Amino acid sequence: MNAPLVLSPAALAKIDLAVAKYPADQKQSAVMAALTIAQDEKGWLSTETMDFVARYLDMPPIAVYEVASFYTMYDLKPIGRCKIAICTNLPCALQGATLAAEHLKQKLGIGFGETTADGAFTLKEAECLGACGDAPVVLVNNKRMACAMSADKLDKLLEELK
């Protein structure tokens, strides 16, 4: 690869570990892992970063864009220090997710897809997070799930994350 490095050697080593899980002619199967690693390092996925991942995995850039734009865990523009994704699908909505989402919007002063003026929080609407029995559910920075989120629990979470 003659293009300049967009990701650190440490990130590339992690991607190589993901690629090693697949047959040599199927390294594009590691695209989700590679995008996650890239986003963890960069904070979001710029076109430059996605193009680099495409070259690294010998994929057409459009195939990488399709994956990155389909899944809500990937951010295609800069986000706040803390990203809060709340599931609003029917099972969660029936257990109060709509009210919880409105509480977050009011408390943060932003809507879905927006970032607070201080850059601290980005609020996203998530598709099913796979914890319907524990609804309403939020996912913080794609890594930490919080369940049964009432207004009080959401307030405590926001204070903790400040």
C-alpha atoms as a PDB file:
ATOM      1  CA  MET A   1       0.000   0.000   0.000  1.00  0.00           C
ATOM      2  CA  ASN A   2       1.642   3.221  -1.180  1.00  0.00           C
ATOM      3  CA  ALA A   3      -0.965   5.641   0.198  1.00  0.00           C
ATOM      4  CA  PRO A   4      -0.144   7.480   3.412  1.00  0.00           C
ATOM      5  CA  LEU A   5      -1.254   5.852   6.641  1.00  0.00           C
ATOM      6  CA  VAL A   6      -4.534   7.171   7.956  1.00  0.00           C
ATOM      7  CA  LEU A   7      -4.626   4.814  10.941  1.00  0.00           C
ATOM      8  CA  SER A   8      -1.906   4.119  13.467  1.00  0.00           C
ATOM      9  CA  PRO A   9       0.213   0.971  13.352  1.00  0.00           C
ATOM     10  CA  ALA A  10      -1.591  -0.172  16.514  1.00  0.00           C
ATOM     11  CA  ALA A  11      -4.983   0.148  14.795  1.00  0.00           C
ATOM     12  CA  LEU A  12      -3.678  -1.677  11.731  1.00  0.00           C
ATOM     13  CA  ALA A  13      -2.431  -4.505  13.961  1.00  0.00           C
ATOM     14  CA  LYS A  14      -5.952  -4.834  15.412  1.00  0.00           C
ATOM     15  CA  ILE A  15      -7.444  -4.886  11.917  1.00  0.00           C
ATOM     16  CA  ASP A  16      -4.916  -7.539  10.906  1.00  0.00           C
ATOM     17  CA  LEU A  17      -6.098  -9.696  13.826  1.00  0.00           C
ATOM     18  CA  ALA A  18      -9.678  -9.350  12.608  1.00  0.00           C
ATOM     19  CA  VAL A  19      -8.666 -10.139   9.010  1.00  0.00           C
ATOM     20  CA  ALA A  20      -6.819 -13.271  10.198  1.00  0.00           C
ATOM     21  CA  LYS A  21     -10.133 -14.783  11.301  1.00  0.00           C
ATOM     22  CA  TYR A  22     -11.206 -15.182   7.657  1.00  0.00           C
ATOM     23  CA  PRO A  23      -9.811 -17.028   4.645  1.00  0.00           C
ATOM     24  CA  ALA A  24      -7.183 -14.956   2.793  1.00  0.00           C
ATOM     25  CA  ASP A  25      -9.514 -14.276  -0.139  1.00  0.00           C
ATOM     26  CA  GLN A  26     -12.303 -13.088   2.205  1.00  0.00           C
ATOM     27  CA  LYS A  27     -10.589 -10.308   4.142  1.00  0.00           C
ATOM     28  CA  GLN A  28     -13.422  -7.901   3.302  1.00  0.00           C
ATOM     29  CA  SER A  29     -15.421  -9.909   5.856  1.00  0.00           C
ATOM     30  CA  ALA A  30     -13.525  -7.928   8.512  1.00  0.00           C
ATOM     31  CA  VAL A  31     -15.007  -4.616   7.314  1.00  0.00           C
ATOM     32  CA  MET A  32     -17.226  -4.086  10.365  1.00  0.00           C
ATOM     33  CA  ALA A  33     -14.358  -4.764  12.746  1.00  0.00           C
ATOM     34  CA  ALA A  34     -12.071  -2.500  10.718  1.00  0.00           C
ATOM     35  CA  LEU A  35     -14.620   0.336  10.751  1.00  0.00           C
ATOM     36  CA  THR A  36     -15.106  -0.042  14.498  1.00  0.00           C
ATOM     37  CA  ILE A  37     -11.350   0.073  15.095  1.00  0.00           C
ATOM     38  CA  ALA A  38     -10.999   3.094  12.815  1.00  0.00           C
ATOM     39  CA  GLN A  39     -13.868   4.909  14.523  1.00  0.00           C
ATOM     40  CA  ASP A  40     -12.475   4.134  17.974  1.00  0.00           C
ATOM     41  CA  GLU A  41      -9.203   5.738  16.931  1.00  0.00           C
ATOM     42  CA  LYS A  42     -10.545   8.709  14.959  1.00  0.00           C
ATOM     43  CA  GLY A  43     -13.802   9.379  16.813  1.00  0.00           C
ATOM     44  CA  TRP A  44     -15.837   9.199  13.575  1.00  0.00           C
ATOM     45  CA  LEU A  45     -15.529   7.879  10.020  1.00  0.00           C
ATOM     46  CA  SER A  46     -14.481  10.478   7.469  1.00  0.00           C
ATOM     47  CA  THR A  47     -14.467   9.664   3.764  1.00  0.00           C
ATOM     48  CA  GLU A  48     -10.668   9.603   3.948  1.00  0.00           C
ATOM     49  CA  THR A  49     -10.766   7.005   6.723  1.00  0.00           C
ATOM     50  CA  MET A  50     -13.357   4.859   4.935  1.00  0.00           C
ATOM     51  CA  ASP A  51     -11.341   5.050   1.709  1.00  0.00           C
ATOM     52  CA  PHE A  52      -8.268   3.907   3.609  1.00  0.00           C
ATOM     53  CA  VAL A  53     -10.187   0.948   5.096  1.00  0.00           C
ATOM     54  CA  ALA A  54     -11.426   0.068   1.594  1.00  0.00           C
ATOM     55  CA  ARG A  55      -7.883   0.063   0.206  1.00  0.00           C
ATOM     56  CA  TYR A  56      -6.578  -1.886   3.199  1.00  0.00           C
ATOM     57  CA  LEU A  57      -9.226  -4.578   2.734  1.00  0.00           C
ATOM     58  CA  ASP A  58      -9.089  -4.537  -1.097  1.00  0.00           C
ATOM     59  CA  MET A  59     -12.724  -3.461  -1.346  1.00  0.00           C
ATOM     60  CA  PRO A  60     -14.514  -0.910  -3.491  1.00  0.00           C
ATOM     61  CA  PRO A  61     -15.017   2.251  -1.405  1.00  0.00           C
ATOM     62  CA  ILE A  62     -18.768   2.160  -2.058  1.00  0.00           C
ATOM     63  CA  ALA A  63     -18.989  -1.225  -0.307  1.00  0.00           C
ATOM     64  CA  VAL A  64     -17.403   0.291   2.805  1.00  0.00           C
ATOM     65  CA  TYR A  65     -19.704   3.339   2.622  1.00  0.00           C
ATOM     66  CA  GLU A  66     -22.715   1.031   2.412  1.00  0.00           C
ATOM     67  CA  VAL A  67     -21.754  -0.745   5.623  1.00  0.00           C
ATOM     68  CA  ALA A  68     -20.866   2.472   7.458  1.00  0.00           C
ATOM     69  CA  SER A  69     -24.082   4.219   6.454  1.00  0.00           C
ATOM     70  CA  PHE A  70     -26.347   1.244   7.197  1.00  0.00           C
ATOM     71  CA  TYR A  71     -25.396   0.598  10.821  1.00  0.00           C
ATOM     72  CA  THR A  72     -26.233   3.272  13.399  1.00  0.00           C
ATOM     73  CA  MET A  73     -23.132   2.496  15.452  1.00  0.00           C
ATOM     74  CA  TYR A  74     -20.966   4.219  12.839  1.00  0.00           C
ATOM     75  CA  ASP A  75     -20.702   7.994  12.810  1.00  0.00           C
ATOM     76  CA  LEU A  76     -20.150   9.715   9.477  1.00  0.00           C
ATOM     77  CA  LYS A  77     -19.674  13.148  10.998  1.00  0.00           C
ATOM     78  CA  PRO A  78     -17.949  14.353  14.165  1.00  0.00           C
ATOM     79  CA  ILE A  79     -19.834  13.623  17.368  1.00  0.00           C
ATOM     80  CA  GLY A  80     -19.697  14.691  20.990  1.00  0.00           C
ATOM     81  CA  ARG A  81     -17.407  13.180  23.582  1.00  0.00           C
ATOM     82  CA  CYS A  82     -20.306  10.978  24.748  1.00  0.00           C
ATOM     83  CA  LYS A  83     -22.697   9.463  22.243  1.00  0.00           C
ATOM     84  CA  ILE A  84     -25.971   8.313  23.718  1.00  0.00           C
ATOM     85  CA  ALA A  85     -28.067   6.059  21.504  1.00  0.00           C
ATOM     86  CA  ILE A  86     -31.556   5.184  22.696  1.00  0.00           C
ATOM     87  CA  CYS A  87     -33.620   2.399  21.221  1.00  0.00           C
ATOM     88  CA  THR A  88     -37.068   3.604  20.187  1.00  0.00           C
ATOM     89  CA  ASN A  89     -38.298   0.423  18.506  1.00  0.00           C
ATOM     90  CA  LEU A  90     -41.718  -0.849  19.505  1.00  0.00           C
ATOM     91  CA  PRO A  91     -40.783  -3.080  22.492  1.00  0.00           C
ATOM     92  CA  CYS A  92     -38.748  -0.269  24.034  1.00  0.00           C
ATOM     93  CA  ALA A  93     -41.357   2.356  23.132  1.00  0.00           C
ATOM     94  CA  LEU A  94     -44.041   0.299  24.884  1.00  0.00           C
ATOM     95  CA  GLN A  95     -41.883   0.339  28.016  1.00  0.00           C
ATOM     96  CA  GLY A  96     -41.236   4.083  28.061  1.00  0.00           C
ATOM     97  CA  ALA A  97     -38.458   4.702  25.534  1.00  0.00           C
ATOM     98  CA  THR A  98     -40.402   7.465  23.802  1.00  0.00           C
ATOM     99  CA  LEU A  99     -40.740   9.331  27.103  1.00  0.00           C
ATOM    100  CA  ALA A 100     -37.085   8.637  27.936  1.00  0.00           C
ATOM    101  CA  ALA A 101     -36.009   9.983  24.541  1.00  0.00           C
ATOM    102  CA  GLU A 102     -38.064  13.135  25.028  1.00  0.00           C
ATOM    103  CA  HIS A 103     -36.528  13.558  28.479  1.00  0.00           C
ATOM    104  CA  LEU A 104     -33.016  13.304  27.007  1.00  0.00           C
ATOM    105  CA  LYS A 105     -33.861  15.780  24.245  1.00  0.00           C
ATOM    106  CA  GLN A 106     -35.231  18.269  26.776  1.00  0.00           C
ATOM    107  CA  LYS A 107     -32.393  17.777  29.253  1.00  0.00           C
ATOM    108  CA  LEU A 108     -29.662  18.108  26.604  1.00  0.00           C
ATOM    109  CA  GLY A 109     -31.444  20.724  24.506  1.00  0.00           C
ATOM    110  CA  ILE A 110     -30.847  18.776  21.291  1.00  0.00           C
ATOM    111  CA  GLY A 111     -32.673  16.416  18.971  1.00  0.00           C
ATOM    112  CA  PHE A 112     -31.645  13.117  17.446  1.00  0.00           C
ATOM    113  CA  GLY A 113     -28.488  13.432  15.343  1.00  0.00           C
ATOM    114  CA  GLU A 114     -27.426  16.615  17.123  1.00  0.00           C
ATOM    115  CA  THR A 115     -24.557  17.486  19.459  1.00  0.00           C
ATOM    116  CA  THR A 116     -24.666  19.826  22.429  1.00  0.00           C
ATOM    117  CA  ALA A 117     -22.982  23.204  21.924  1.00  0.00           C
ATOM    118  CA  ASP A 118     -20.194  22.267  24.350  1.00  0.00           C
ATOM    119  CA  GLY A 119     -19.428  19.110  22.345  1.00  0.00           C
ATOM    120  CA  ALA A 120     -20.127  16.879  25.334  1.00  0.00           C
ATOM    121  CA  PHE A 121     -23.104  14.852  24.078  1.00  0.00           C
ATOM    122  CA  THR A 122     -24.513  13.541  20.822  1.00  0.00           C
ATOM    123  CA  LEU A 123     -27.975  11.959  20.873  1.00  0.00           C
ATOM    124  CA  LYS A 124     -28.872   9.249  18.391  1.00  0.00           C
ATOM    125  CA  GLU A 125     -31.924   7.126  17.799  1.00  0.00           C
ATOM    126  CA  ALA A 126     -30.924   3.472  17.705  1.00  0.00           C
ATOM    127  CA  GLU A 127     -32.472   0.470  16.122  1.00  0.00           C
ATOM    128  CA  CYS A 128     -32.973  -2.566  18.322  1.00  0.00           C
ATOM    129  CA  LEU A 129     -30.167  -2.945  20.844  1.00  0.00           C
ATOM    130  CA  GLY A 130     -31.200  -6.519  21.636  1.00  0.00           C
ATOM    131  CA  ALA A 131     -32.289  -5.949  25.229  1.00  0.00           C
ATOM    132  CA  CYS A 132     -36.054  -5.558  24.823  1.00  0.00           C
ATOM    133  CA  GLY A 133     -36.789  -7.069  28.238  1.00  0.00           C
ATOM    134  CA  ASP A 134     -34.672  -4.371  29.895  1.00  0.00           C
ATOM    135  CA  ALA A 135     -36.211  -1.388  28.090  1.00  0.00           C
ATOM    136  CA  PRO A 136     -35.829   1.491  27.802  1.00  0.00           C
ATOM    137  CA  VAL A 137     -32.229   0.875  26.817  1.00  0.00           C
ATOM    138  CA  VAL A 138     -29.421   3.302  25.968  1.00  0.00           C
ATOM    139  CA  LEU A 139     -25.960   2.591  24.612  1.00  0.00           C
ATOM    140  CA  VAL A 140     -23.144   4.946  25.562  1.00  0.00           C
ATOM    141  CA  ASN A 141     -20.263   5.310  23.095  1.00  0.00           C
ATOM    142  CA  ASN A 142     -21.156   1.968  21.475  1.00  0.00           C
ATOM    143  CA  LYS A 143     -19.649   0.163  24.472  1.00  0.00           C
ATOM    144  CA  ARG A 144     -21.796   0.522  27.595  1.00  0.00           C
ATOM    145  CA  MET A 145     -25.445  -0.470  27.820  1.00  0.00           C
ATOM    146  CA  ALA A 146     -27.732   0.983  30.465  1.00  0.00           C
ATOM    147  CA  CYS A 147     -31.120  -0.605  31.045  1.00  0.00           C
ATOM    148  CA  ALA A 148     -34.527   0.313  32.481  1.00  0.00           C
ATOM    149  CA  MET A 149     -33.748   3.999  32.037  1.00  0.00           C
ATOM    150  CA  SER A 150     -36.235   6.192  33.877  1.00  0.00           C
ATOM    151  CA  ALA A 151     -35.906   9.981  33.920  1.00  0.00           C
ATOM    152  CA  ASP A 152     -34.033   9.769  37.252  1.00  0.00           C
ATOM    153  CA  LYS A 153     -31.626   7.136  35.933  1.00  0.00           C
ATOM    154  CA  LEU A 154     -31.034   9.195  32.788  1.00  0.00           C
ATOM    155  CA  ASP A 155     -30.272  12.275  34.882  1.00  0.00           C
ATOM    156  CA  LYS A 156     -27.772  10.290  36.966  1.00  0.00           C
ATOM    157  CA  LEU A 157     -26.161   8.906  33.803  1.00  0.00           C
ATOM    158  CA  LEU A 158     -25.773  12.393  32.312  1.00  0.00           C
ATOM    159  CA  GLU A 159     -24.188  13.682  35.522  1.00  0.00           C
ATOM    160  CA  GLU A 160     -21.780  10.749  35.590  1.00  0.00           C
ATOM    161  CA  LEU A 161     -20.777  11.297  31.970  1.00  0.00           C
ATOM    162  CA  LYS A 162     -20.138  15.056  32.313  1.00  0.00           C
END
